Each structure stands twice: as structure tokens, then as C-alpha cells.
Protein backbone atom coordinates (compact mmCIF):
# COMPACT_ATOMS: atom_id res chain seq x y z
CA GLN A 1 65.77 80.12 69.69
CA VAL A 2 68.86 80.18 67.48
CA GLN A 3 70.29 83.37 66.03
CA LEU A 4 73.36 83.94 63.87
CA VAL A 5 74.73 87.45 63.53
CA GLU A 6 77.38 88.27 60.96
CA SER A 7 79.70 91.25 60.77
CA GLY A 8 82.74 92.37 58.84
CA GLY A 9 81.55 92.77 55.28
CA GLY A 10 82.25 95.85 53.20
CA LEU A 11 83.94 97.29 50.16
CA VAL A 12 87.53 96.35 49.40
CA ARG A 13 89.86 96.70 46.46
CA ALA A 14 90.94 93.65 44.52
CA GLY A 15 93.86 92.02 46.26
CA GLY A 16 92.73 93.25 49.65
CA SER A 17 91.52 91.40 52.70
CA LEU A 18 88.44 91.22 54.89
CA ARG A 19 87.54 89.20 57.95
CA LEU A 20 83.98 88.05 58.53
CA SER A 21 82.69 87.08 61.94
CA CYS A 22 79.58 85.23 62.98
CA ALA A 23 78.35 84.83 66.53
CA ALA A 24 75.69 82.27 67.30
CA SER A 25 73.16 82.40 70.12
CA ILE A 26 72.49 78.71 70.54
CA ASN A 27 70.93 78.25 73.99
CA SER A 28 71.78 74.70 75.07
CA PHE A 29 71.97 73.14 71.63
CA THR A 30 75.06 71.34 70.42
CA LEU A 31 76.78 72.71 67.34
CA LYS A 32 77.65 70.27 64.59
CA SER A 33 78.98 72.39 61.75
CA MET A 34 79.53 76.07 61.20
CA GLY A 35 80.47 77.65 57.95
CA TRP A 36 80.06 80.25 55.27
CA PHE A 37 78.09 80.31 52.04
CA ARG A 38 77.78 83.09 49.51
CA GLN A 39 75.36 84.21 46.86
CA ALA A 40 76.27 86.47 43.98
CA PRO A 41 73.60 88.30 41.97
CA GLY A 42 71.82 85.93 39.62
CA LYS A 43 73.58 82.88 41.03
CA LEU A 44 72.73 80.11 43.45
CA ARG A 45 74.00 80.11 47.01
CA GLU A 46 77.26 78.20 47.17
CA LEU A 47 79.46 76.78 49.86
CA VAL A 48 82.58 78.78 50.67
CA ALA A 49 83.97 76.89 53.66
CA ILE A 50 82.65 74.68 56.42
CA ILE A 51 84.16 73.41 59.66
CA PRO A 52 82.45 70.45 61.33
CA THR A 53 82.92 69.74 65.01
CA GLY A 54 85.93 67.44 65.17
CA GLY A 55 85.93 67.07 61.42
CA THR A 56 87.87 68.16 58.39
CA VAL A 57 87.57 71.67 57.08
CA HIS A 58 86.27 71.89 53.54
CA TYR A 59 86.82 74.78 51.15
CA ALA A 60 85.39 75.56 47.76
CA ASP A 61 88.08 75.16 45.12
CA SER A 62 87.71 78.80 44.17
CA VAL A 63 88.84 80.03 47.59
CA LYS A 64 91.48 77.46 48.55
CA GLY A 65 94.73 79.11 49.51
CA ARG A 66 93.08 82.51 49.89
CA PHE A 67 90.40 82.06 52.55
CA THR A 68 90.77 80.58 56.02
CA ILE A 69 87.89 79.49 58.21
CA SER A 70 88.24 79.19 61.95
CA ARG A 71 85.95 78.51 64.85
CA ASP A 72 85.89 79.45 68.52
CA ASP A 73 83.53 77.09 70.32
CA ALA A 74 83.89 78.97 73.60
CA LYS A 75 82.26 81.92 71.85
CA ASN A 76 80.03 79.90 69.50
CA SER A 77 81.62 81.84 66.70
CA VAL A 78 83.02 81.22 63.26
CA TYR A 79 85.32 83.46 61.26
CA LEU A 80 86.37 83.76 57.64
CA GLN A 81 89.65 85.45 56.81
CA MET A 82 89.58 86.41 53.16
CA ASN A 83 92.82 87.39 51.47
CA SER A 84 93.71 88.19 47.87
CA LEU A 85 90.09 89.07 47.18
CA GLN A 86 88.96 89.02 43.57
CA ASP A 87 86.03 90.53 41.71
CA GLU A 88 84.43 87.08 41.61
CA ASP A 89 84.27 87.05 45.42
CA THR A 90 81.66 89.81 45.38
CA ALA A 91 78.54 88.36 46.99
CA VAL A 92 76.37 88.31 50.06
CA TYR A 93 78.04 86.01 52.57
CA PHE A 94 75.86 83.96 54.90
CA CYS A 95 76.86 82.30 58.12
CA TYR A 96 75.59 78.74 58.54
CA ALA A 97 75.14 76.43 61.51
CA ASP A 98 73.51 73.12 62.23
CA PHE A 99 72.89 71.37 65.50
CA ARG A 100 72.73 67.84 66.84
CA GLU A 101 69.28 68.32 68.39
CA LEU A 102 67.60 70.33 65.66
CA PRO A 103 66.36 69.08 62.28
CA ARG A 104 66.94 72.24 60.26
CA ASN A 105 69.86 74.42 59.27
CA TYR A 106 70.24 78.00 60.44
CA TRP A 107 71.42 81.05 58.54
CA GLY A 108 72.52 84.54 59.36
CA GLN A 109 71.02 87.58 57.68
CA GLY A 110 73.95 87.94 55.29
CA THR A 111 76.70 90.50 54.93
CA GLN A 112 77.68 92.15 51.66
CA VAL A 113 81.23 91.81 50.38
CA THR A 114 82.06 93.94 47.36
CA VAL A 115 85.42 93.71 45.64
CA ALA A 116 86.25 96.61 43.38
CA SER A 117 88.89 96.50 40.68
């Protein structure tokens, strides 16, 4: 029905950059928000950045100035450009989407980002 597929994770040195992509198969549903969350080992899943349709982008304080979220509605896709990566950014990153017609949120399978010192 709805499927989110992430790509772009990997291993990078501290100070480096990565770009995550997420493509959504949404049938005829209407996207509300798309975004990125992350979960580090032993920690709860946390918001990284979210971009609502026609709304204001929100970033976690820890990534402001380093990460940039963008969205291409023609492709039903959301991207996360991550610069100046730090050890603390190591986590599994999950794509997120919600829809006007559907009561639940949707998640991708997750992509590992590992930052090595």
C-alpha cells in the first residue's frame, strides 16, 4: 500500500558528508509530512528533521546548521544532506511519512550511518 525505501547510508569519517534519499510509493494518497528520524544503540528514536507540506521545516537542535532536508513532491521523495558529521550522528536513520487519508505513520526499513573518528 505504502512503501518507503531509503538509500545512501554508509561509513564516513568525522567531518565528512553523506546524503540520504527516501522514495515513497504512495499510490493515490496525499502526503502531509516527510522526514527523518534516527536511533542510536541503546537510545530512543529521535527526530532529525521534518518537512510538512506547505509548512515550516523543523530540525533537531543537534543537527541545525549541519543537516539540510529537502523534498521533491514530483518524485514523492525526501532527502537529507548531512555535513560535518560527528561521532554522535552514528545511528540507523529512518525515513518517515504521513498522509492525509491514512491514520498511521509510515517508516522505511532504516539505513545505517556510521561516523568514524
